[in-house]
Amino acid sequence: MPFNQIHDKEASMNWNAIKNGNWDAYSQLYNAHFKILNNYGYKFTHDSSLIEDAVHDLFVNLWDKRTQLGNPVSVKNYLYKSLRNLLFRKMDKQQRFVNIDSDESYPFNFEVSFDNVLIKDESERAVQAKIKEAIQSLPARQQEIVYLRFYEGLSYEEIADIMSLNISSTYKLLYKAVGKLQERIKLADLLIILSLVLSEKAISEIN
């Protein structure tokens, strides 16, 4: 079983315990997800205080409403969607954006990291720089779907849930994002470099 599935299975066990008022399980869930939730929030805003407030509110609400919780298919997905919604409401109050109906209406930015990849020559470094530039040139929603699909490894169903899209729109949005990347970068170069950091399944969707 893949690590992500094992991790979410453990989270689901904690989830059921939380619903029964188990504080230790609640603490474990918080500690296991605090860092990744902050990392996800940082893609929308670099205001660390705002992100911490949103994560704090998420978990306070989770505990306060524990008896009303359902049984999400993916706990991580539930937390991502909840944090995203909380952040958007907080940012909306600060008038940082108006709505989330278009690619341009909310911020999203992530740095493509190749820190753990062995660089063989100068040409690879040049391609890496092109990939980073190409991804950062995408509109926010396209950056987010690339991040969730290829770097977080989420399914189309999970992404649709988090981003409040239907499945058809999710496919179309990712197709458009990949198409724009291929306009800026030769497919062969894109596949060579990304194969070092992405899963085989993700690569098959680009090819």
Protein backbone atom coordinates (compact mmCIF):
# COMPACT_ATOMS: atom_id res chain seq x y z
CA MET A 1 0.00 0.00 0.00
CA PRO A 2 1.43 3.43 -0.98
CA PHE A 3 2.66 5.67 1.84
CA ASN A 4 -0.08 8.26 1.26
CA GLN A 5 -2.76 5.60 1.63
CA ILE A 6 -1.16 4.25 4.79
CA HIS A 7 -0.94 7.77 6.20
CA ASP A 8 -4.59 8.49 5.42
CA LYS A 9 -5.66 5.15 6.89
CA GLU A 10 -4.00 6.12 10.17
CA ALA A 11 -5.65 9.54 9.97
CA SER A 12 -9.04 7.88 9.48
CA MET A 13 -8.52 5.80 12.63
CA ASN A 14 -7.67 8.98 14.54
CA TRP A 15 -10.71 10.64 12.99
CA ASN A 16 -13.07 8.04 14.41
CA ALA A 17 -11.41 8.34 17.81
CA ILE A 18 -11.76 12.14 17.69
CA LYS A 19 -15.49 11.78 17.04
CA ASN A 20 -15.62 9.83 20.30
CA GLY A 21 -13.78 12.61 22.17
CA ASN A 22 -10.25 11.15 22.20
CA TRP A 23 -7.93 14.12 22.81
CA ASP A 24 -4.75 12.11 22.12
CA ALA A 25 -6.05 11.16 18.68
CA TYR A 26 -6.92 14.80 18.04
CA SER A 27 -3.39 15.86 19.02
CA GLN A 28 -1.88 13.21 16.75
CA LEU A 29 -3.98 14.39 13.81
CA TYR A 30 -2.94 17.98 14.46
CA ASN A 31 0.76 17.14 14.72
CA ALA A 32 0.68 14.96 11.62
CA HIS A 33 -0.96 17.62 9.44
CA PHE A 34 0.15 20.96 10.87
CA LYS A 35 3.23 21.28 8.66
CA ILE A 36 1.63 20.16 5.39
CA LEU A 37 -1.39 22.39 5.96
CA ASN A 38 0.86 25.39 6.58
CA ASN A 39 2.80 24.50 3.45
CA TYR A 40 -0.41 24.37 1.42
CA GLY A 41 -1.61 27.65 2.90
CA TYR A 42 1.71 29.29 1.98
CA LYS A 43 0.88 28.73 -1.68
CA PHE A 44 -2.03 31.17 -1.33
CA THR A 45 -0.43 33.77 0.93
CA HIS A 46 2.93 34.44 2.57
CA ASP A 47 1.18 35.91 5.61
CA SER A 48 2.25 33.29 8.15
CA SER A 49 0.00 34.76 10.86
CA LEU A 50 -3.04 34.47 8.62
CA ILE A 51 -2.17 30.86 7.76
CA GLU A 52 -1.62 29.92 11.40
CA ASP A 53 -4.94 31.53 12.32
CA ALA A 54 -6.72 29.54 9.62
CA VAL A 55 -5.10 26.25 10.69
CA HIS A 56 -5.92 27.03 14.31
CA ASP A 57 -9.55 27.80 13.46
CA LEU A 58 -9.79 24.62 11.40
CA PHE A 59 -8.75 22.42 14.32
CA VAL A 60 -10.76 24.32 16.92
CA ASN A 61 -13.86 23.87 14.75
CA LEU A 62 -12.97 20.24 14.25
CA TRP A 63 -12.92 19.58 17.98
CA ASP A 64 -15.92 21.74 18.82
CA LYS A 65 -18.04 20.00 16.18
CA ARG A 66 -16.56 16.52 16.59
CA THR A 67 -19.92 14.91 17.34
CA GLN A 68 -21.31 16.26 14.07
CA LEU A 69 -18.45 15.06 11.87
CA GLY A 70 -19.12 12.72 9.01
CA ASN A 71 -16.72 10.14 7.59
CA PRO A 72 -14.71 11.67 4.74
CA VAL A 73 -13.16 9.30 2.22
CA SER A 74 -9.86 11.12 2.73
CA VAL A 75 -9.04 13.00 5.93
CA LYS A 76 -6.21 14.87 4.21
CA ASN A 77 -8.61 15.96 1.50
CA TYR A 78 -11.12 17.18 4.09
CA LEU A 79 -8.43 19.21 5.86
CA TYR A 80 -7.09 20.71 2.63
CA LYS A 81 -10.55 21.77 1.48
CA SER A 82 -11.43 23.17 4.91
CA LEU A 83 -8.20 25.16 5.14
CA ARG A 84 -8.62 26.48 1.61
CA ASN A 85 -12.14 27.69 2.38
CA LEU A 86 -11.08 29.26 5.68
CA LEU A 87 -8.16 31.06 4.05
CA PHE A 88 -10.32 32.37 1.25
CA ARG A 89 -12.84 33.76 3.72
CA LYS A 90 -10.11 35.43 5.76
CA MET A 91 -8.44 36.85 2.66
CA ASP A 92 -11.79 38.03 1.35
CA LYS A 93 -12.34 39.97 4.57
CA GLN A 94 -8.98 41.63 4.01
CA GLN A 95 -10.08 42.38 0.43
CA ARG A 96 -7.16 40.50 -1.11
CA PHE A 97 -9.40 39.11 -3.82
CA VAL A 98 -13.08 39.22 -4.76
CA ASN A 99 -14.04 35.69 -5.81
CA ILE A 100 -12.59 32.37 -6.96
CA ASP A 101 -14.48 31.85 -10.19
CA SER A 102 -11.63 32.54 -12.60
CA ASP A 103 -7.95 31.73 -12.99
CA GLU A 104 -6.92 35.25 -12.06
CA SER A 105 -9.14 35.87 -9.04
CA TYR A 106 -7.00 34.39 -6.28
CA PRO A 107 -3.28 33.99 -5.61
CA PHE A 108 -1.44 30.69 -5.83
CA ASN A 109 2.27 30.19 -6.25
CA PHE A 110 4.62 27.35 -5.53
CA GLU A 111 8.33 26.87 -6.07
CA VAL A 112 9.20 23.72 -7.98
CA SER A 113 11.97 22.13 -5.94
CA PHE A 114 14.75 20.02 -7.39
CA ASP A 115 16.85 20.14 -4.23
CA ASN A 116 17.11 16.35 -3.99
CA VAL A 117 17.87 15.81 -7.67
CA LEU A 118 21.40 15.15 -8.90
CA ILE A 119 22.28 17.75 -11.52
CA LYS A 120 24.43 16.20 -14.24
CA ASP A 121 25.23 19.20 -16.39
CA GLU A 122 24.50 22.82 -17.19
CA SER A 123 21.81 21.93 -19.74
CA GLU A 124 19.74 20.21 -17.04
CA ARG A 125 20.00 23.27 -14.82
CA ALA A 126 18.79 25.40 -17.73
CA VAL A 127 15.79 23.12 -18.28
CA GLN A 128 14.96 23.18 -14.57
CA ALA A 129 14.95 26.96 -14.64
CA LYS A 130 12.61 26.89 -17.65
CA ILE A 131 10.23 24.52 -15.87
CA LYS A 132 10.10 26.71 -12.76
CA GLU A 133 9.47 29.78 -14.89
CA ALA A 134 6.82 28.01 -16.99
CA ILE A 135 4.85 26.75 -13.98
CA GLN A 136 4.97 30.12 -12.27
CA SER A 137 3.65 31.73 -15.45
CA LEU A 138 0.44 29.67 -15.22
CA PRO A 139 -2.71 31.28 -13.80
CA ALA A 140 -3.42 30.50 -10.15
CA ARG A 141 -5.99 27.73 -10.66
CA GLN A 142 -3.74 25.98 -13.16
CA GLN A 143 -0.78 26.18 -10.80
CA GLU A 144 -2.90 24.76 -8.02
CA ILE A 145 -4.16 21.81 -10.05
CA VAL A 146 -0.63 20.98 -11.23
CA TYR A 147 0.51 21.09 -7.61
CA LEU A 148 -2.32 18.92 -6.29
CA ARG A 149 -2.14 16.35 -9.09
CA PHE A 150 1.57 15.98 -9.70
CA TYR A 151 3.16 16.97 -6.40
CA GLU A 152 0.52 15.87 -3.91
CA GLY A 153 -0.58 12.90 -6.02
CA LEU A 154 -4.29 13.51 -5.46
CA SER A 155 -6.96 11.90 -7.63
CA TYR A 156 -9.21 13.88 -9.95
CA GLU A 157 -12.09 13.26 -7.57
CA GLU A 158 -10.09 14.61 -4.62
CA ILE A 159 -8.97 17.66 -6.58
CA ALA A 160 -12.50 18.37 -7.75
CA ASP A 161 -13.66 18.27 -4.13
CA ILE A 162 -10.92 20.57 -2.86
CA MET A 163 -11.23 23.09 -5.69
CA SER A 164 -15.04 22.93 -5.87
CA LEU A 165 -15.04 21.71 -9.47
CA ASN A 166 -16.89 18.95 -11.25
CA ILE A 167 -14.84 16.06 -12.61
CA SER A 168 -15.11 17.22 -16.22
CA SER A 169 -13.85 20.70 -15.34
CA THR A 170 -10.98 19.16 -13.38
CA TYR A 171 -9.80 17.18 -16.41
CA LYS A 172 -10.13 20.20 -18.66
CA LEU A 173 -8.25 22.49 -16.29
CA LEU A 174 -5.33 20.09 -15.94
CA TYR A 175 -5.26 19.47 -19.70
CA LYS A 176 -5.09 23.21 -20.28
CA ALA A 177 -2.27 23.63 -17.73
CA VAL A 178 -0.19 20.82 -19.22
CA GLY A 179 -0.81 22.21 -22.69
CA LYS A 180 0.53 25.60 -21.66
CA LEU A 181 3.62 23.99 -20.16
CA GLN A 182 4.28 22.15 -23.40
CA GLU A 183 3.99 25.42 -25.33
CA ARG A 184 6.92 26.80 -23.36
CA ILE A 185 9.05 23.70 -22.93
CA LYS A 186 9.96 20.91 -25.33
CA LEU A 187 8.14 17.75 -24.24
CA ALA A 188 11.34 15.70 -24.21
CA ASP A 189 13.03 18.16 -21.82
CA LEU A 190 9.92 18.34 -19.65
CA LEU A 191 9.72 14.56 -19.30
CA ILE A 192 13.44 14.08 -18.61
CA ILE A 193 13.55 16.53 -15.73
CA LEU A 194 10.13 15.88 -14.24
CA SER A 195 10.74 12.14 -14.28
CA LEU A 196 13.26 12.77 -11.52
CA VAL A 197 10.70 14.29 -9.17
CA LEU A 198 7.26 13.04 -10.23
CA SER A 199 5.59 9.65 -10.12
CA GLU A 200 5.41 7.38 -13.16
CA LYS A 201 1.63 7.83 -13.17
CA ALA A 202 1.98 11.60 -13.29
CA ILE A 203 4.47 11.41 -16.14
CA SER A 204 2.10 9.25 -18.18
CA GLU A 205 -0.48 12.06 -18.05
CA ILE A 206 1.98 14.58 -19.52
CA ASN A 207 3.25 12.31 -22.29
